[in-house]
Protein backbone atom coordinates (compact mmCIF):
# COMPACT_ATOMS: atom_id res chain seq x y z
CA MET A 1 -26.36 13.24 26.88
CA GLN A 2 -29.96 14.14 27.94
CA LEU A 3 -31.78 12.19 25.28
CA SER A 4 -30.96 8.43 24.93
CA ASP A 5 -31.21 6.48 21.71
CA HIS A 6 -34.51 5.03 22.93
CA ASP A 7 -35.83 8.56 23.36
CA LEU A 8 -34.66 9.74 19.91
CA ARG A 9 -36.32 6.82 18.10
CA GLN A 10 -39.75 8.01 19.38
CA LEU A 11 -39.32 11.56 18.12
CA ASP A 12 -40.99 12.11 14.78
CA GLU A 13 -43.13 14.88 13.17
CA ALA A 14 -46.34 13.59 14.62
CA TYR A 15 -44.95 13.58 18.13
CA LEU A 16 -43.57 17.14 17.75
CA GLU A 17 -46.94 18.43 16.53
CA SER A 18 -48.62 17.12 19.63
CA LEU A 19 -46.37 19.05 22.09
CA SER A 20 -47.43 22.33 23.72
CA GLU A 21 -45.20 25.32 23.43
CA ALA A 22 -43.63 24.80 26.90
CA GLN A 23 -43.05 21.10 26.15
CA ALA A 24 -41.47 21.89 22.73
CA ARG A 25 -39.18 24.49 24.36
CA ALA A 26 -37.99 22.03 26.98
CA LEU A 27 -37.29 19.45 24.31
CA LEU A 28 -35.48 22.05 22.25
CA ASN A 29 -33.18 23.02 25.13
CA LYS A 30 -32.28 19.30 25.61
CA ALA A 31 -31.68 18.78 21.89
CA VAL A 32 -29.46 21.91 21.65
CA ALA A 33 -27.46 20.77 24.64
CA ASP A 34 -26.98 17.33 23.10
CA LEU A 35 -26.05 18.92 19.72
CA LYS A 36 -23.40 21.11 21.30
CA SER A 37 -21.92 18.09 23.15
CA ALA A 38 -21.95 16.04 19.90
CA ARG A 39 -20.31 18.86 18.01
CA GLU A 40 -17.59 19.18 20.63
CA ARG A 41 -16.81 15.48 20.39
CA LEU A 42 -16.91 15.67 16.58
CA GLY A 43 -14.43 18.48 16.63
CA GLN A 44 -11.81 16.68 18.81
CA ASN A 45 -8.54 16.08 17.03
CA PRO A 46 -4.95 15.43 18.05
CA THR A 47 -4.25 19.12 18.76
CA ASN A 48 -7.11 19.65 21.26
CA SER A 49 -7.62 16.18 22.80
CA SER A 50 -5.75 12.99 23.60
CA ARG A 51 -6.64 11.40 20.34
CA PRO A 52 -3.67 9.99 18.42
CA PRO A 53 -2.60 11.47 15.06
CA SER A 54 -3.70 8.27 13.21
CA THR A 55 -7.37 9.13 13.96
CA ARG A 56 -7.22 11.85 11.26
CA ALA A 57 -8.51 10.91 7.85
CA PRO A 58 -5.70 10.70 5.28
CA TRP A 59 -7.00 13.66 3.26
CA GLU A 60 -7.08 15.81 6.38
CA GLN A 61 -3.47 14.84 7.16
CA ALA A 62 -2.44 15.61 3.53
CA GLY A 63 -4.05 19.08 3.75
CA GLU A 64 -2.17 19.93 6.89
CA ASP A 65 1.10 18.70 5.48
CA GLU A 66 0.62 20.82 2.38
CA GLN A 67 -0.08 23.89 4.48
CA GLU A 68 3.03 23.23 6.60
CA THR A 69 5.33 22.66 3.68
CA GLY A 70 3.75 25.54 1.78
CA ARG A 71 4.42 28.02 4.55
CA GLU A 72 6.84 30.72 3.50
CA ALA A 73 10.18 30.65 5.26
CA PRO A 74 10.96 33.88 7.20
CA THR A 75 13.37 36.22 5.33
CA ALA A 76 16.63 37.34 6.76
CA PRO A 77 16.66 40.79 8.38
CA SER A 78 18.22 43.69 6.56
CA GLY A 79 21.30 45.48 7.86
CA ASP A 80 19.23 48.06 9.78
CA GLU A 81 17.13 45.23 11.26
CA GLN A 82 20.23 43.36 12.22
CA SER A 83 21.58 46.28 14.08
CA ASP A 84 18.18 46.70 15.86
CA THR A 85 18.28 43.13 17.01
CA ALA A 86 21.94 43.20 18.15
CA GLY A 87 20.77 43.21 21.79
CA GLY A 88 18.96 40.51 23.60
CA GLU A 89 17.07 39.26 20.45
CA ALA A 90 20.23 38.19 18.52
CA ASP A 91 21.32 34.62 18.27
CA SER A 92 23.55 33.55 21.11
CA PRO A 93 27.14 32.35 20.43
CA ALA A 94 26.12 28.81 21.37
CA GLU A 95 23.31 28.93 18.74
CA LYS A 96 25.76 30.24 16.16
CA ARG A 97 28.20 27.48 16.95
CA ARG A 98 25.50 24.92 16.42
CA GLY A 99 24.67 26.53 13.08
CA LYS A 100 21.12 27.11 14.08
CA SER A 101 19.16 30.33 14.39
CA ARG A 102 15.61 31.09 15.35
CA GLU A 103 14.70 31.61 11.66
CA SER A 104 16.21 28.34 10.41
CA SER A 105 14.90 26.23 13.29
CA SER A 106 11.34 27.06 12.25
CA GLU A 107 11.85 25.60 8.78
CA PRO A 108 10.87 21.95 8.37
CA GLY A 109 13.96 19.73 8.35
CA LYS A 110 14.76 17.46 5.48
CA PRO A 111 15.83 13.81 5.99
CA GLY A 112 19.28 12.48 5.16
CA ARG A 113 22.79 13.83 5.36
CA ARG A 114 23.19 17.65 5.02
CA LYS A 115 25.29 18.92 2.09
CA GLY A 116 28.86 19.35 3.17
CA ALA A 117 28.62 17.13 6.19
CA PRO A 118 31.44 14.51 6.61
CA GLY A 119 30.62 11.00 5.42
CA TYR A 120 31.19 7.83 7.31
CA SER A 121 32.62 4.64 5.97
CA ARG A 122 32.04 1.11 7.20
CA THR A 123 33.85 0.31 10.39
CA GLN A 124 32.50 -3.07 11.35
CA GLN A 125 35.12 -5.86 10.78
CA LEU A 126 33.69 -9.38 10.25
CA PRO A 127 35.73 -12.54 9.75
CA ILE A 128 35.93 -13.87 6.24
CA ASP A 129 34.08 -17.25 6.10
CA ALA A 130 34.65 -18.04 2.44
CA GLU A 131 36.56 -16.84 -0.59
CA VAL A 132 35.37 -17.08 -4.18
CA ILE A 133 37.74 -16.58 -7.10
CA HIS A 134 36.23 -15.24 -10.37
CA THR A 135 38.25 -15.82 -13.54
CA PRO A 136 37.50 -14.91 -17.19
CA ALA A 137 36.51 -17.87 -19.37
CA CYS A 138 37.67 -16.50 -22.71
CA CYS A 139 39.67 -13.60 -24.11
CA ALA A 140 37.70 -10.47 -24.69
CA ALA A 141 39.76 -9.60 -27.75
CA CYS A 142 40.23 -12.88 -29.68
CA ALA A 143 37.66 -15.05 -27.93
CA ALA A 144 40.29 -17.71 -27.19
CA THR A 145 39.65 -20.03 -24.20
CA LEU A 146 41.62 -19.04 -21.11
CA GLY A 147 42.73 -21.72 -18.63
CA GLU A 148 44.95 -22.31 -15.67
CA SER A 149 48.01 -22.26 -17.81
CA HIS A 150 47.60 -18.61 -18.64
CA PRO A 151 49.32 -16.00 -16.42
CA SER A 152 46.89 -14.48 -14.03
CA ARG A 153 46.73 -11.86 -11.24
CA ALA A 154 44.12 -10.42 -8.91
CA HIS A 155 42.94 -6.98 -9.89
CA ASN A 156 39.92 -6.31 -7.59
CA ALA A 157 37.95 -7.74 -4.78
CA ARG A 158 34.72 -7.14 -2.87
CA TYR A 159 33.05 -8.34 0.30
CA GLU A 160 29.43 -9.73 0.51
CA ILE A 161 27.48 -10.35 3.71
CA ASP A 162 24.66 -12.82 3.36
CA LEU A 163 22.51 -15.23 5.23
CA VAL A 164 23.07 -18.95 4.37
CA HIS A 165 21.81 -22.28 5.58
CA PRO A 166 24.47 -24.07 7.74
CA ASP A 167 26.22 -27.05 6.17
CA ASP A 168 25.79 -29.42 9.11
CA GLU A 169 22.05 -29.88 8.66
CA GLY A 170 21.38 -27.28 11.32
CA ASN A 171 18.31 -25.17 11.54
CA GLY A 172 17.95 -21.47 10.76
CA LEU A 173 20.23 -19.08 9.03
CA VAL A 174 23.75 -17.91 9.78
CA VAL A 175 25.66 -14.81 8.82
CA GLN A 176 28.50 -15.36 6.37
CA GLN A 177 30.97 -12.88 4.91
CA THR A 178 32.43 -13.89 1.56
CA LYS A 179 35.41 -12.33 -0.11
CA HIS A 180 35.02 -12.31 -3.94
CA VAL A 181 38.33 -11.97 -5.74
CA TYR A 182 38.38 -10.94 -9.44
CA VAL A 183 41.26 -12.19 -11.60
CA GLU A 184 42.70 -10.97 -14.97
CA ARG A 185 44.46 -13.40 -17.33
CA LEU A 186 46.86 -12.90 -20.12
CA CYS A 187 45.94 -14.39 -23.47
CA ASP A 188 48.42 -15.70 -26.01
CA CYS A 189 47.48 -12.71 -28.14
CA GLY A 190 48.82 -10.37 -25.46
CA HIS A 191 45.50 -9.15 -24.16
CA TRP A 192 44.62 -9.04 -20.47
CA THR A 193 41.03 -10.05 -19.81
CA ARG A 194 39.38 -9.21 -16.51
CA ALA A 195 36.50 -10.84 -14.65
CA GLU A 196 34.19 -8.17 -13.37
CA PRO A 197 31.25 -8.14 -10.87
CA GLY A 198 27.84 -8.37 -12.54
CA ARG A 199 25.72 -5.30 -13.09
CA CYS A 200 22.32 -4.67 -14.62
CA ASP A 201 22.02 -1.93 -17.19
CA ASP A 202 20.14 1.27 -16.33
CA GLU A 203 16.38 1.03 -16.46
CA GLY A 204 13.78 3.75 -16.31
CA ASP A 205 14.27 6.36 -13.72
CA TRP A 206 15.58 4.11 -10.90
CA THR A 207 18.27 5.76 -8.80
CA VAL A 208 19.34 2.49 -7.16
CA ALA A 209 21.72 0.12 -8.99
CA LEU A 210 21.31 -3.57 -9.45
CA SER A 211 24.87 -4.70 -8.90
CA GLU A 212 27.05 -7.36 -7.26
CA TRP A 213 29.11 -4.56 -5.79
CA HIS A 214 26.53 -4.12 -3.07
CA LEU A 215 27.46 -5.34 0.42
CA ALA A 216 24.19 -7.22 1.28
CA GLY A 217 23.82 -10.54 -0.42
CA PRO A 218 20.53 -11.69 -2.10
CA THR A 219 19.23 -13.68 0.90
CA LEU A 220 19.95 -10.82 3.28
CA VAL A 221 18.18 -8.45 0.87
CA SER A 222 15.15 -10.80 0.91
CA PHE A 223 15.28 -10.99 4.64
CA ILE A 224 15.31 -7.17 4.93
CA CYS A 225 12.25 -6.95 2.68
CA ALA A 226 10.42 -9.44 4.88
CA LEU A 227 11.13 -7.39 7.94
CA SER A 228 10.25 -4.13 6.26
CA LEU A 229 7.11 -5.06 4.34
CA ARG A 230 5.70 -8.22 5.91
CA MET A 231 6.60 -7.47 9.48
CA ARG A 232 6.01 -3.77 8.93
CA LEU A 233 9.21 -2.61 10.58
CA SER A 234 10.69 0.84 9.99
CA ARG A 235 14.17 1.12 8.62
CA ALA A 236 15.48 2.08 12.03
CA ARG A 237 13.77 -0.99 13.67
CA VAL A 238 15.23 -3.28 10.95
CA ARG A 239 18.65 -1.87 11.74
CA GLU A 240 18.10 -2.47 15.41
CA LEU A 241 16.97 -6.11 14.87
CA LEU A 242 20.00 -6.87 12.60
CA SER A 243 22.34 -5.46 15.18
CA ASP A 244 20.84 -7.11 18.25
CA TRP A 245 20.13 -10.57 16.78
CA LEU A 246 22.59 -10.99 13.95
CA GLY A 247 25.44 -8.72 14.94
CA LEU A 248 25.23 -6.80 11.64
CA SER A 249 25.79 -3.08 11.62
CA LEU A 250 23.96 -1.71 8.57
CA SER A 251 22.94 1.96 8.04
CA THR A 252 19.33 2.85 7.34
CA ALA A 253 20.44 4.02 3.90
CA THR A 254 21.83 0.58 3.09
CA ILE A 255 18.60 -1.07 4.32
CA ASN A 256 16.55 1.26 2.20
CA GLN A 257 18.80 0.55 -0.80
CA CYS A 258 18.16 -3.19 -0.33
CA VAL A 259 14.36 -2.69 -0.45
CA HIS A 260 14.52 -0.53 -3.55
CA GLU A 261 16.96 -2.88 -5.23
CA ALA A 262 14.67 -5.87 -4.65
CA ALA A 263 11.71 -3.89 -6.09
CA ARG A 264 13.70 -3.00 -9.19
CA ALA A 265 14.71 -6.67 -9.61
CA VAL A 266 11.10 -7.88 -9.80
CA GLU A 267 9.59 -5.06 -11.75
CA PRO A 268 9.73 -6.85 -15.13
CA VAL A 269 8.00 -9.89 -13.50
CA VAL A 270 5.25 -7.67 -12.11
CA ASP A 271 4.71 -5.87 -15.43
CA ASN A 272 4.83 -8.96 -17.61
CA ASP A 273 3.48 -11.84 -15.53
CA ILE A 274 1.23 -10.45 -12.76
CA LEU A 275 -0.29 -7.65 -14.84
CA GLU A 276 -1.00 -9.87 -17.74
CA THR A 277 -2.65 -12.45 -15.42
CA VAL A 278 -4.85 -9.73 -13.93
CA ARG A 279 -5.91 -8.45 -17.39
CA ASN A 280 -6.89 -11.86 -18.73
CA VAL A 281 -8.59 -13.47 -15.67
CA GLU A 282 -12.26 -14.42 -15.82
CA LEU A 283 -13.11 -12.78 -12.51
CA LEU A 284 -11.23 -9.80 -11.02
CA HIS A 285 -11.71 -8.03 -7.72
CA ALA A 286 -10.80 -4.30 -7.54
CA ASP A 287 -10.68 -1.87 -4.60
CA GLU A 288 -8.78 1.23 -3.46
CA THR A 289 -7.85 3.03 -0.20
CA ALA A 290 -6.14 6.33 0.60
CA TRP A 291 -2.33 6.46 0.63
CA LYS A 292 0.10 9.23 1.52
CA GLU A 293 3.34 10.03 -0.19
CA HIS A 294 5.24 12.54 1.97
CA GLY A 295 1.99 14.37 2.82
CA LYS A 296 0.55 14.10 -0.74
CA LEU A 297 -2.79 12.24 -0.89
CA LEU A 298 -2.75 9.30 -3.35
CA TRP A 299 -4.62 6.06 -3.56
CA LEU A 300 -3.50 2.42 -3.20
CA TRP A 301 -5.28 0.27 -5.80
CA VAL A 302 -5.49 -3.47 -5.67
CA PHE A 303 -6.62 -5.84 -8.40
CA THR A 304 -6.68 -9.47 -7.36
CA CYS A 305 -7.83 -12.83 -8.60
CA ALA A 306 -7.32 -16.49 -7.68
CA THR A 307 -3.65 -16.59 -8.76
CA ALA A 308 -2.36 -13.03 -8.75
CA THR A 309 -2.54 -9.66 -7.00
CA PHE A 310 -1.43 -6.36 -8.52
CA PHE A 311 -0.90 -3.19 -6.53
CA ILE A 312 -0.36 0.33 -7.84
CA VAL A 313 -0.34 3.70 -6.20
CA GLY A 314 -1.56 6.82 -7.95
CA ARG A 315 -4.50 9.24 -8.28
CA ARG A 316 -8.08 8.19 -8.03
CA THR A 317 -9.02 8.61 -11.70
CA ARG A 318 -10.29 6.64 -14.60
CA ALA A 319 -6.87 6.77 -16.18
CA MET A 320 -5.45 4.66 -13.33
CA VAL A 321 -7.99 1.92 -13.96
CA CYS A 322 -7.42 1.97 -17.70
CA ARG A 323 -3.65 1.91 -17.11
CA VAL A 324 -4.09 -1.43 -15.30
CA LEU A 325 -6.94 -3.05 -17.18
CA GLY A 326 -6.60 -1.44 -20.53
CA GLU A 327 -9.45 0.02 -22.60
CA HIS A 328 -11.03 -3.35 -23.49
CA PHE A 329 -11.38 -5.43 -20.38
CA GLU A 330 -14.37 -7.68 -21.01
CA ASN A 331 -14.34 -10.07 -18.12
CA TRP A 332 -16.21 -9.95 -14.75
CA LEU A 333 -15.17 -7.11 -12.43
CA MET A 334 -16.25 -6.98 -8.80
CA SER A 335 -15.89 -3.52 -7.35
CA ASP A 336 -17.42 -0.89 -5.08
CA GLY A 337 -19.60 1.99 -6.17
CA TYR A 338 -16.83 4.24 -7.56
CA GLY A 339 -18.12 5.77 -10.79
CA VAL A 340 -15.11 4.90 -13.09
CA TYR A 341 -15.93 1.20 -12.81
CA ARG A 342 -19.25 1.86 -14.69
CA ASP A 343 -17.40 1.93 -17.96
CA PHE A 344 -17.03 -1.88 -17.78
CA ASP A 345 -20.05 -4.04 -19.00
CA GLN A 346 -19.62 -7.09 -17.01
CA ARG A 347 -19.55 -5.58 -13.55
CA LEU A 348 -20.62 -6.84 -10.12
CA ARG A 349 -21.37 -4.75 -7.10
CA CYS A 350 -20.33 -5.73 -3.54
CA LEU A 351 -23.49 -6.39 -1.46
CA ALA A 352 -21.50 -6.07 1.76
CA HIS A 353 -21.25 -2.26 1.17
CA ILE A 354 -25.00 -1.99 0.87
CA ILE A 355 -25.64 -4.26 3.87
CA ARG A 356 -23.43 -1.98 6.04
CA LYS A 357 -25.23 1.09 4.95
CA ALA A 358 -28.63 -0.49 5.44
CA HIS A 359 -27.62 -1.49 8.94
CA GLY A 360 -26.69 2.12 9.57
CA LEU A 361 -30.15 3.26 8.54
CA GLU A 362 -31.90 0.55 10.59
CA ASP A 363 -29.91 1.61 13.67
CA GLY A 364 -30.66 5.32 13.11
CA PHE A 365 -33.34 7.48 14.63
CA ASP A 366 -35.41 8.49 11.53
CA GLN A 367 -38.43 6.26 11.31
CA PRO A 368 -38.82 6.20 7.50
CA ALA A 369 -35.10 5.65 7.12
CA ARG A 370 -35.22 2.79 9.63
CA ARG A 371 -38.06 1.14 7.69
CA PHE A 372 -36.21 1.60 4.37
CA GLY A 373 -33.02 0.04 5.82
CA SER A 374 -34.96 -2.94 7.14
CA HIS A 375 -36.62 -3.35 3.71
CA VAL A 376 -33.19 -3.41 1.90
CA LEU A 377 -31.76 -5.83 4.37
CA HIS A 378 -34.71 -8.17 3.99
CA VAL A 379 -34.46 -8.24 0.16
CA ILE A 380 -30.66 -8.74 0.18
CA GLU A 381 -30.85 -11.53 2.79
CA THR A 382 -33.53 -13.27 0.84
CA VAL A 383 -31.61 -13.08 -2.43
CA ILE A 384 -28.41 -14.32 -0.68
CA ASP A 385 -30.33 -17.30 0.73
CA GLY A 386 -31.63 -18.04 -2.75
CA VAL A 387 -28.15 -17.90 -4.24
CA TYR A 388 -26.71 -20.21 -1.70
CA ALA A 389 -29.50 -22.63 -2.28
CA ALA A 390 -28.96 -22.47 -6.03
CA ARG A 391 -25.25 -23.27 -5.51
CA GLY A 392 -26.45 -26.35 -3.61
CA GLY A 393 -28.58 -27.49 -6.45
CA ALA A 394 -32.06 -26.14 -5.77
CA PRO A 395 -33.91 -24.21 -6.99
CA PRO A 396 -32.70 -24.25 -10.60
CA ALA A 397 -30.48 -21.22 -11.37
CA ALA A 398 -32.59 -20.41 -14.40
CA ASP A 399 -35.64 -19.68 -12.27
CA LEU A 400 -33.94 -17.33 -9.72
CA ARG A 401 -34.43 -14.01 -11.64
CA ALA A 402 -38.12 -14.75 -12.27
CA HIS A 403 -38.70 -16.10 -8.79
CA TYR A 404 -37.42 -12.95 -7.05
CA ALA A 405 -38.83 -10.45 -9.61
CA PRO A 406 -41.78 -9.30 -7.41
CA LEU A 407 -39.49 -8.82 -4.50
CA LEU A 408 -37.01 -6.78 -6.52
CA ASN A 409 -39.77 -4.73 -8.15
CA GLU A 410 -41.07 -3.78 -4.76
CA LEU A 411 -37.64 -2.72 -3.61
CA PHE A 412 -37.13 -0.82 -6.86
CA ASP A 413 -40.31 1.28 -6.20
CA ALA A 414 -39.22 1.89 -2.60
CA CYS A 415 -35.86 3.17 -3.92
CA ARG A 416 -37.56 5.55 -6.39
CA GLN A 417 -39.69 7.02 -3.55
CA ALA A 418 -36.72 7.33 -1.25
CA ALA A 419 -34.44 8.92 -3.94
CA ASP A 420 -35.86 12.34 -3.06
CA ALA A 421 -36.19 11.83 0.74
CA ALA A 422 -35.07 14.61 3.09
CA HIS A 423 -32.92 12.17 5.12
CA GLU A 424 -29.50 12.31 3.35
CA PRO A 425 -28.17 8.77 4.08
CA MET A 426 -31.47 7.25 3.06
CA ARG A 427 -31.53 9.28 -0.17
CA ALA A 428 -27.90 8.36 -0.89
CA LEU A 429 -28.46 4.63 -0.46
CA ALA A 430 -31.62 4.74 -2.66
CA ARG A 431 -29.78 6.48 -5.43
CA GLU A 432 -26.81 4.16 -5.17
CA LEU A 433 -29.10 1.14 -5.59
CA LEU A 434 -30.85 2.82 -8.60
CA ASN A 435 -27.61 3.87 -10.35
CA ASP A 436 -26.17 0.29 -10.31
CA TRP A 437 -29.35 -1.67 -10.03
CA ASP A 438 -28.55 -4.51 -12.44
CA THR A 439 -25.03 -5.09 -11.06
CA PHE A 440 -26.35 -6.01 -7.64
CA TRP A 441 -28.58 -8.81 -8.98
CA VAL A 442 -26.27 -10.40 -11.59
CA VAL A 443 -25.79 -13.28 -9.15
CA LEU A 444 -29.40 -14.30 -9.81
CA ASP A 445 -28.34 -15.11 -13.33
CA TYR A 446 -24.93 -16.50 -12.42
CA PRO A 447 -25.10 -17.91 -8.87
CA GLU A 448 -21.46 -19.06 -9.03
CA LEU A 449 -20.22 -15.45 -9.01
CA PRO A 450 -19.24 -13.89 -5.62
CA LEU A 451 -21.61 -11.73 -3.53
CA THR A 452 -18.99 -9.48 -1.95
CA ASN A 453 -15.65 -7.93 -2.66
CA ASN A 454 -13.97 -9.56 0.31
CA GLU A 455 -11.10 -10.81 -1.79
CA ALA A 456 -9.89 -7.29 -2.54
CA GLU A 457 -10.58 -6.03 0.92
CA ARG A 458 -8.58 -8.86 2.45
CA ALA A 459 -5.75 -8.14 0.02
CA LEU A 460 -5.63 -4.53 1.20
CA ARG A 461 -5.97 -5.26 4.88
CA HIS A 462 -2.29 -5.96 5.73
CA TRP A 463 -1.09 -2.85 3.84
CA VAL A 464 -3.71 -0.57 5.42
CA ILE A 465 -2.21 -1.61 8.74
CA ALA A 466 1.22 -0.85 7.35
CA ARG A 467 0.01 2.58 6.24
CA ARG A 468 -1.28 3.34 9.72
CA ILE A 469 2.08 2.37 11.25
CA GLY A 470 4.44 3.92 8.73
CA MET A 471 2.17 6.76 7.50
CA GLY A 472 2.71 5.83 3.90
CA THR A 473 5.87 6.40 1.86
CA ARG A 474 8.19 9.36 1.45
CA THR A 475 9.36 9.39 -2.17
CA PRO A 476 8.02 8.41 -5.60
CA GLN A 477 10.63 5.68 -5.86
CA GLY A 478 9.70 4.41 -2.43
CA THR A 479 6.08 4.32 -3.39
CA ARG A 480 6.96 2.44 -6.58
CA ALA A 481 9.12 -0.06 -4.65
CA PHE A 482 6.30 -0.68 -2.15
CA ALA A 483 3.70 -1.47 -4.82
CA LEU A 484 5.99 -3.77 -6.73
CA LEU A 485 7.13 -5.82 -3.70
CA ALA A 486 3.55 -5.97 -2.34
CA SER A 487 2.50 -7.37 -5.69
CA VAL A 488 5.08 -10.12 -5.63
CA ILE A 489 4.50 -11.01 -1.90
CA GLU A 490 0.69 -11.30 -2.28
CA THR A 491 0.87 -13.16 -5.56
CA CYS A 492 3.33 -15.77 -4.11
CA ARG A 493 0.98 -16.23 -1.10
CA LYS A 494 -1.93 -16.68 -3.49
CA ARG A 495 0.07 -19.44 -5.18
CA SER A 496 0.89 -21.09 -1.83
CA ALA A 497 4.59 -20.33 -2.18
CA SER A 498 7.01 -18.34 0.00
CA PRO A 499 7.98 -15.10 -1.64
CA TRP A 500 11.39 -14.79 0.05
CA PRO A 501 13.40 -17.56 -1.71
CA TYR A 502 12.03 -16.25 -5.02
CA LEU A 503 12.91 -12.72 -4.15
CA ALA A 504 16.50 -13.73 -3.34
CA ASP A 505 16.79 -15.57 -6.65
CA ALA A 506 15.42 -12.60 -8.55
CA VAL A 507 17.98 -10.27 -6.95
CA ARG A 508 20.80 -12.74 -7.62
CA GLU A 509 20.01 -13.13 -11.33
CA ARG A 510 19.26 -9.54 -11.94
CA ARG A 511 22.51 -8.39 -10.34
CA LYS A 512 24.26 -10.56 -12.99
CA GLY A 513 22.39 -8.65 -15.77
CA LEU A 514 20.21 -11.72 -16.48
CA ALA A 515 16.46 -11.94 -16.62
CA ALA A 516 14.46 -12.50 -13.42
CA PRO A 517 13.19 -16.07 -12.85
CA PRO A 518 9.48 -16.74 -13.36
CA LEU A 519 7.15 -16.61 -10.45
CA PRO A 520 6.25 -19.79 -8.68
CA ALA A 521 3.42 -21.58 -10.51
CA ALA A 522 -0.01 -21.76 -8.90
CA ALA A 523 -0.57 -24.87 -6.84
């Protein structure tokens, strides 16, 4: 860099006009050298520098993935071409034995077991710590009560591995394997009635079953969800932790099944309880961030209030907002500047977004933009001070709008002048203020309303970190499961309750075909 920030702040049109031809040429050479250096740094990416892949924007990564998956696979050579390549270019016998060729190796691989590959059954043998006998209570044919006096025999059994609290008032969890035996009994009418493991009926397009036949017990399922979502561990890392610390050998497919099963178990609660709370709350915060589903660019939306948080993944469209809030949401909505939110009448704009952009102008090199940024910051800081004072009791809230009217009118005139400025960031900030002018100053009429959208941004923060670690989700069902579990986890935390006991109870009841228990009440 030949020109420092201090140097650039002094360069304006008046200074350039005062330079001689030789001085202007020397300055131009320095500016071109700096521009080339800046462009080179801007063009750095993981393929031409040491920058990690996570530095790419999500939409850039999505574009590359689409190009990669959209690449046509090479076609097999014809008979003449095969004979031409029968020399040194043909696949070696070793490559043929491995079932790989140069053509097939260039195709992107798919996860999971290949078709026709041999399967593997469970080989780990654990001691049986408890045995539970399940017997039918009444005859399935005549409804007569069945008791111990009726002939019985075992007809089926299953094993369940779960985490339980020790009986001797110890701390922590212990692994326990339970053998569940299912008995059939003979009624006086001659009918044999069987006890069967519980199972939830099919729902929607879920490919995972809610059934007591599954190996992992409810508490173990909840524990796996905590490791996967709250601790942000991959399926392979969860498998490693279970093996190293609990001595459990579970496949990544089983671990993935547990996560999806838990999500299916809580879906009715999310759709009926959390979503209804979000739709009827007096003040709602909304925000969105990029999300990837196997290379496809989507958006993770969050809608949060004091007692509930709802997540959903989908496209960045007005239809997504209406899907969550409905067509007639009439309460206060705090949001950013995304245009679809303008359809709602009672809307608040986050002042933190404007403050960051104004700081960017103030720290820039264009003199008019720096003055405009300082002006915006001065007005916002003055208004914030007045709102805080009104919350404390003085001055009266009814006088705030009139008290700051001259200051706001002055800023409005400055925005109108800057709306056609040549400096693009300055022009964009001025137009953003003008487009949503009233929504920024609603707090002068209602000082009790929030000034920023920090509630929504804090709700997203944990999951944004998870996105950077796991690079999003891989399937539509995985995306759906992620949003459902994140909604339950954040809602329980809002209500000062642990989500994990609730999640275990929900899985336990839903596996029996019963309704999920209600969420913990707000403290």
